[in-house]
């Protein structure tokens, strides 16, 4: 949501924006590698599979800072590979021709300015 920032100043909003962009770009890089490996592992199955993005976001949330600030390259690579394996645990099958319309509900917000925990 556009109101969900950790602060009210322009600097804190820019930091939130750029940190979110960094996290999503790293997540997408890991997802791309994991999906290539999933294609190879499940090439004989009925469906194609993709990484569950909701679960991958949860896995990334706790491990991203460790990966970024690890100075030892081998440890960083090992953490990266462990995260990629977590992404591959619960793949989602891609079923062709399935489409359901989204139902949007208008909800009234209790709090307009949220100060959420930063990464």
C-alpha atoms as a PDB file:
ATOM      1  CA  UNK A   1       0.000   0.000   0.000  1.00  0.00           C
ATOM      2  CA  UNK A   2       1.140   3.475  -0.696  1.00  0.00           C
ATOM      3  CA  UNK A   3       0.645   4.634   2.904  1.00  0.00           C
ATOM      4  CA  UNK A   4       2.757   1.860   4.436  1.00  0.00           C
ATOM      5  CA  UNK A   5       6.097   3.549   5.023  1.00  0.00           C
ATOM      6  CA  UNK A   6       8.386   3.441   8.035  1.00  0.00           C
ATOM      7  CA  UNK A   7       8.445   7.223   8.406  1.00  0.00           C
ATOM      8  CA  UNK A   8       6.979  10.459   7.180  1.00  0.00           C
ATOM      9  CA  UNK A   9      10.011  12.262   5.754  1.00  0.00           C
ATOM     10  CA  UNK A  10      10.967  12.173   2.096  1.00  0.00           C
ATOM     11  CA  UNK A  11      14.239  10.447   2.957  1.00  0.00           C
ATOM     12  CA  UNK A  12      12.553   7.590   4.816  1.00  0.00           C
ATOM     13  CA  UNK A  13      10.066   7.099   1.977  1.00  0.00           C
ATOM     14  CA  UNK A  14      12.903   6.977  -0.581  1.00  0.00           C
ATOM     15  CA  UNK A  15      14.811   4.496   1.601  1.00  0.00           C
ATOM     16  CA  UNK A  16      11.720   2.288   1.843  1.00  0.00           C
ATOM     17  CA  UNK A  17      11.218   2.454  -1.902  1.00  0.00           C
ATOM     18  CA  UNK A  18      14.814   1.587  -2.807  1.00  0.00           C
ATOM     19  CA  UNK A  19      15.129  -1.142  -0.176  1.00  0.00           C
ATOM     20  CA  UNK A  20      11.940  -2.740  -1.498  1.00  0.00           C
ATOM     21  CA  UNK A  21      13.294  -2.557  -5.043  1.00  0.00           C
ATOM     22  CA  UNK A  22      16.551  -4.191  -3.967  1.00  0.00           C
ATOM     23  CA  UNK A  23      14.713  -6.968  -2.115  1.00  0.00           C
ATOM     24  CA  UNK A  24      12.376  -7.715  -5.026  1.00  0.00           C
ATOM     25  CA  UNK A  25      15.221  -7.717  -7.552  1.00  0.00           C
ATOM     26  CA  UNK A  26      17.239 -10.151  -5.435  1.00  0.00           C
ATOM     27  CA  UNK A  27      14.144 -12.291  -4.944  1.00  0.00           C
ATOM     28  CA  UNK A  28      13.523 -12.389  -8.689  1.00  0.00           C
ATOM     29  CA  UNK A  29      17.127 -13.401  -9.404  1.00  0.00           C
ATOM     30  CA  UNK A  30      16.846 -16.300  -6.972  1.00  0.00           C
ATOM     31  CA  UNK A  31      13.411 -17.256  -8.350  1.00  0.00           C
ATOM     32  CA  UNK A  32      14.766 -17.348 -11.915  1.00  0.00           C
ATOM     33  CA  UNK A  33      17.513 -19.779 -10.931  1.00  0.00           C
ATOM     34  CA  UNK A  34      15.150 -21.896  -8.831  1.00  0.00           C
ATOM     35  CA  UNK A  35      12.597 -22.128 -11.650  1.00  0.00           C
ATOM     36  CA  UNK A  36      15.274 -23.277 -14.109  1.00  0.00           C
ATOM     37  CA  UNK A  37      16.204 -26.056 -11.695  1.00  0.00           C
ATOM     38  CA  UNK A  38      12.518 -26.906 -11.155  1.00  0.00           C
ATOM     39  CA  UNK A  39      12.058 -27.264 -14.916  1.00  0.00           C
ATOM     40  CA  UNK A  40      14.877 -29.784 -15.030  1.00  0.00           C
ATOM     41  CA  UNK A  41      13.704 -31.706 -11.962  1.00  0.00           C
ATOM     42  CA  UNK A  42      10.045 -31.907 -12.976  1.00  0.00           C
ATOM     43  CA  UNK A  43      10.299 -32.204 -16.755  1.00  0.00           C
ATOM     44  CA  UNK A  44       8.443 -35.547 -16.739  1.00  0.00           C
ATOM     45  CA  UNK A  45       5.511 -34.333 -14.621  1.00  0.00           C
ATOM     46  CA  UNK A  46       2.048 -33.389 -15.842  1.00  0.00           C
ATOM     47  CA  UNK A  47       2.351 -29.657 -15.134  1.00  0.00           C
ATOM     48  CA  UNK A  48       5.038 -27.043 -15.324  1.00  0.00           C
ATOM     49  CA  UNK A  49       5.893 -25.574 -11.941  1.00  0.00           C
ATOM     50  CA  UNK A  50       6.822 -22.137 -10.679  1.00  0.00           C
ATOM     51  CA  UNK A  51       8.045 -20.812  -7.346  1.00  0.00           C
ATOM     52  CA  UNK A  52       5.381 -19.771  -4.857  1.00  0.00           C
ATOM     53  CA  UNK A  53       6.050 -16.026  -4.531  1.00  0.00           C
ATOM     54  CA  UNK A  54       4.159 -15.633  -1.269  1.00  0.00           C
ATOM     55  CA  UNK A  55       6.298 -18.237   0.478  1.00  0.00           C
ATOM     56  CA  UNK A  56       9.490 -16.965  -1.137  1.00  0.00           C
ATOM     57  CA  UNK A  57       8.807 -13.481   0.229  1.00  0.00           C
ATOM     58  CA  UNK A  58       8.477 -14.939   3.710  1.00  0.00           C
ATOM     59  CA  UNK A  59      11.724 -16.875   3.335  1.00  0.00           C
ATOM     60  CA  UNK A  60      13.526 -13.783   2.018  1.00  0.00           C
ATOM     61  CA  UNK A  61      12.308 -11.531   4.798  1.00  0.00           C
ATOM     62  CA  UNK A  62      14.326 -13.267   7.492  1.00  0.00           C
ATOM     63  CA  UNK A  63      17.459 -14.068   5.485  1.00  0.00           C
ATOM     64  CA  UNK A  64      18.054 -11.059   3.236  1.00  0.00           C
ATOM     65  CA  UNK A  65      20.105  -9.024   5.700  1.00  0.00           C
ATOM     66  CA  UNK A  66      22.331 -12.029   6.479  1.00  0.00           C
ATOM     67  CA  UNK A  67      23.042 -12.542   2.774  1.00  0.00           C
ATOM     68  CA  UNK A  68      23.789  -8.887   2.107  1.00  0.00           C
ATOM     69  CA  UNK A  69      26.098  -8.327   5.090  1.00  0.00           C
ATOM     70  CA  UNK A  70      27.997 -11.616   5.017  1.00  0.00           C
ATOM     71  CA  UNK A  71      31.586 -10.801   4.090  1.00  0.00           C
ATOM     72  CA  UNK A  72      32.794 -14.319   3.407  1.00  0.00           C
ATOM     73  CA  UNK A  73      31.947 -15.137  -0.196  1.00  0.00           C
ATOM     74  CA  UNK A  74      31.604 -18.887   0.387  1.00  0.00           C
ATOM     75  CA  UNK A  75      29.201 -18.378   3.293  1.00  0.00           C
ATOM     76  CA  UNK A  76      27.218 -15.894   1.243  1.00  0.00           C
ATOM     77  CA  UNK A  77      26.978 -18.350  -1.641  1.00  0.00           C
ATOM     78  CA  UNK A  78      25.910 -21.147   0.730  1.00  0.00           C
ATOM     79  CA  UNK A  79      23.162 -18.957   2.242  1.00  0.00           C
ATOM     80  CA  UNK A  80      22.062 -18.002  -1.260  1.00  0.00           C
ATOM     81  CA  UNK A  81      21.854 -21.695  -2.262  1.00  0.00           C
ATOM     82  CA  UNK A  82      19.955 -22.578   0.933  1.00  0.00           C
ATOM     83  CA  UNK A  83      17.449 -19.846   0.156  1.00  0.00           C
ATOM     84  CA  UNK A  84      17.076 -21.145  -3.392  1.00  0.00           C
ATOM     85  CA  UNK A  85      16.366 -24.637  -2.016  1.00  0.00           C
ATOM     86  CA  UNK A  86      13.706 -23.184   0.295  1.00  0.00           C
ATOM     87  CA  UNK A  87      12.086 -21.522  -2.712  1.00  0.00           C
ATOM     88  CA  UNK A  88      11.883 -24.895  -4.474  1.00  0.00           C
ATOM     89  CA  UNK A  89      10.214 -26.708  -1.548  1.00  0.00           C
ATOM     90  CA  UNK A  90       6.587 -25.803  -2.362  1.00  0.00           C
ATOM     91  CA  UNK A  91       6.285 -25.111  -6.092  1.00  0.00           C
ATOM     92  CA  UNK A  92       2.975 -24.104  -7.619  1.00  0.00           C
ATOM     93  CA  UNK A  93       1.717 -25.957 -10.705  1.00  0.00           C
ATOM     94  CA  UNK A  94       0.893 -23.840 -13.738  1.00  0.00           C
ATOM     95  CA  UNK A  95      -2.525 -24.974 -14.938  1.00  0.00           C
ATOM     96  CA  UNK A  96      -3.390 -23.663 -18.382  1.00  0.00           C
ATOM     97  CA  UNK A  97      -6.772 -22.053 -18.984  1.00  0.00           C
ATOM     98  CA  UNK A  98      -7.611 -21.253 -15.359  1.00  0.00           C
ATOM     99  CA  UNK A  99      -8.808 -17.759 -14.736  1.00  0.00           C
ATOM    100  CA  UNK A 100     -10.998 -16.442 -11.963  1.00  0.00           C
ATOM    101  CA  UNK A 101     -12.136 -12.829 -11.661  1.00  0.00           C
ATOM    102  CA  UNK A 102     -10.858 -11.007  -8.606  1.00  0.00           C
ATOM    103  CA  UNK A 103     -13.356  -9.715  -6.097  1.00  0.00           C
ATOM    104  CA  UNK A 104     -12.323  -6.464  -4.481  1.00  0.00           C
ATOM    105  CA  UNK A 105     -13.762  -5.421  -1.147  1.00  0.00           C
ATOM    106  CA  UNK A 106     -13.569  -1.863   0.041  1.00  0.00           C
ATOM    107  CA  UNK A 107     -12.333  -1.732   3.601  1.00  0.00           C
ATOM    108  CA  UNK A 108     -12.102   1.245   5.857  1.00  0.00           C
ATOM    109  CA  UNK A 109      -8.692   1.757   7.378  1.00  0.00           C
ATOM    110  CA  UNK A 110      -8.373   2.073  11.128  1.00  0.00           C
ATOM    111  CA  UNK A 111      -5.008   3.803  10.944  1.00  0.00           C
ATOM    112  CA  UNK A 112      -3.902   5.990   8.075  1.00  0.00           C
ATOM    113  CA  UNK A 113      -0.203   6.374   8.808  1.00  0.00           C
ATOM    114  CA  UNK A 114       1.518   3.114   9.566  1.00  0.00           C
ATOM    115  CA  UNK A 115       4.997   2.841  10.852  1.00  0.00           C
ATOM    116  CA  UNK A 116       6.044  -0.644   9.863  1.00  0.00           C
ATOM    117  CA  UNK A 117       9.239  -2.440  10.711  1.00  0.00           C
ATOM    118  CA  UNK A 118      11.938  -1.743   8.152  1.00  0.00           C
ATOM    119  CA  UNK A 119      14.071  -4.490   6.621  1.00  0.00           C
END
